[in-house]
Amino acid sequence: ARDPTTDGWVLDGLGELRSEEAVPMLRELVRGPVAEDAAIALWRISRWRGAVRVLRRVLAAERG
């Protein structure tokens, strides 16, 4: 019942469950306010290499 676009816990759960069905949604969310949660979930599900780029951007507090 939680909105994954605003709730990082939902995305964390999808990553822990390794939900392949969530991958398309997660890829869209790496451009929004829960980018780091989506990137980590994608890393857990498919070892998505783009996660490193997203996390660097978040750590550097860069826009986008």
C-alpha atoms as a PDB file:
ATOM      1  CA  ALA A   1       0.000   0.000   0.000  1.00  0.00           C
ATOM      2  CA  ARG A   2       3.070   2.298   0.149  1.00  0.00           C
ATOM      3  CA  ASP A   3       4.112   4.496  -2.761  1.00  0.00           C
ATOM      4  CA  PRO A   4       7.553   3.304  -3.949  1.00  0.00           C
ATOM      5  CA  THR A   5       8.316   6.696  -5.502  1.00  0.00           C
ATOM      6  CA  THR A   6       8.516   8.268  -2.047  1.00  0.00           C
ATOM      7  CA  ASP A   7       9.267   5.371   0.287  1.00  0.00           C
ATOM      8  CA  GLY A   8      12.784   3.940   0.228  1.00  0.00           C
ATOM      9  CA  TRP A   9      11.768   1.048   2.485  1.00  0.00           C
ATOM     10  CA  VAL A  10       9.582  -0.370  -0.273  1.00  0.00           C
ATOM     11  CA  LEU A  11      12.506  -0.268  -2.697  1.00  0.00           C
ATOM     12  CA  ASP A  12      14.805  -1.839  -0.126  1.00  0.00           C
ATOM     13  CA  GLY A  13      12.321  -4.683   0.263  1.00  0.00           C
ATOM     14  CA  LEU A  14      12.131  -5.223  -3.497  1.00  0.00           C
ATOM     15  CA  GLY A  15      15.909  -5.435  -3.593  1.00  0.00           C
ATOM     16  CA  GLU A  16      16.055  -7.903  -0.725  1.00  0.00           C
ATOM     17  CA  LEU A  17      13.428 -10.044  -2.449  1.00  0.00           C
ATOM     18  CA  ARG A  18      15.400  -9.759  -5.710  1.00  0.00           C
ATOM     19  CA  SER A  19      12.204  -8.887  -7.541  1.00  0.00           C
ATOM     20  CA  GLU A  20      13.017  -9.054 -11.276  1.00  0.00           C
ATOM     21  CA  GLU A  21       9.540  -7.682 -12.028  1.00  0.00           C
ATOM     22  CA  ALA A  22      10.453  -4.441 -10.241  1.00  0.00           C
ATOM     23  CA  VAL A  23      13.489  -3.680 -12.442  1.00  0.00           C
ATOM     24  CA  PRO A  24      11.689  -1.435 -14.987  1.00  0.00           C
ATOM     25  CA  MET A  25      10.135   0.679 -12.227  1.00  0.00           C
ATOM     26  CA  LEU A  26      13.421   0.882 -10.325  1.00  0.00           C
ATOM     27  CA  ARG A  27      15.269   2.091 -13.430  1.00  0.00           C
ATOM     28  CA  GLU A  28      12.817   4.991 -13.697  1.00  0.00           C
ATOM     29  CA  LEU A  29      13.214   5.851 -10.013  1.00  0.00           C
ATOM     30  CA  VAL A  30      17.004   6.329 -10.195  1.00  0.00           C
ATOM     31  CA  ARG A  31      16.243   9.818 -11.531  1.00  0.00           C
ATOM     32  CA  GLY A  32      14.096  10.873  -8.582  1.00  0.00           C
ATOM     33  CA  PRO A  33      14.166  11.530  -4.842  1.00  0.00           C
ATOM     34  CA  VAL A  34      14.677   7.859  -3.948  1.00  0.00           C
ATOM     35  CA  ALA A  35      17.537   7.372  -6.429  1.00  0.00           C
ATOM     36  CA  GLU A  36      19.933   5.814  -3.928  1.00  0.00           C
ATOM     37  CA  ASP A  37      17.357   3.283  -2.731  1.00  0.00           C
ATOM     38  CA  ALA A  38      16.463   2.341  -6.307  1.00  0.00           C
ATOM     39  CA  ALA A  39      20.154   1.993  -7.235  1.00  0.00           C
ATOM     40  CA  ILE A  40      20.864  -0.271  -4.278  1.00  0.00           C
ATOM     41  CA  ALA A  41      17.812  -2.407  -5.069  1.00  0.00           C
ATOM     42  CA  LEU A  42      18.946  -2.729  -8.696  1.00  0.00           C
ATOM     43  CA  TRP A  43      22.409  -3.742  -7.518  1.00  0.00           C
ATOM     44  CA  ARG A  44      20.935  -6.447  -5.307  1.00  0.00           C
ATOM     45  CA  ILE A  45      18.653  -7.758  -8.054  1.00  0.00           C
ATOM     46  CA  SER A  46      20.912  -7.683 -11.095  1.00  0.00           C
ATOM     47  CA  ARG A  47      24.296  -6.249 -10.050  1.00  0.00           C
ATOM     48  CA  TRP A  48      23.445  -3.147 -12.087  1.00  0.00           C
ATOM     49  CA  ARG A  49      26.713  -1.296 -12.667  1.00  0.00           C
ATOM     50  CA  GLY A  50      24.966   2.071 -12.943  1.00  0.00           C
ATOM     51  CA  ALA A  51      24.349   1.911  -9.195  1.00  0.00           C
ATOM     52  CA  VAL A  52      27.891   3.122  -8.544  1.00  0.00           C
ATOM     53  CA  ARG A  53      27.330   6.239 -10.666  1.00  0.00           C
ATOM     54  CA  VAL A  54      24.044   7.044  -8.930  1.00  0.00           C
ATOM     55  CA  LEU A  55      25.517   6.552  -5.459  1.00  0.00           C
ATOM     56  CA  ARG A  56      28.519   8.744  -6.290  1.00  0.00           C
ATOM     57  CA  ARG A  57      26.139  11.488  -7.409  1.00  0.00           C
ATOM     58  CA  VAL A  58      24.125  11.169  -4.193  1.00  0.00           C
ATOM     59  CA  LEU A  59      27.233  11.213  -2.007  1.00  0.00           C
ATOM     60  CA  ALA A  60      28.524  14.299  -3.791  1.00  0.00           C
ATOM     61  CA  ALA A  61      25.082  15.906  -3.349  1.00  0.00           C
ATOM     62  CA  GLU A  62      24.842  16.613  -7.057  1.00  0.00           C
ATOM     63  CA  ARG A  63      21.594  17.321  -8.825  1.00  0.00           C
ATOM     64  CA  GLY A  64      19.940  14.812 -11.106  1.00  0.00           C
END
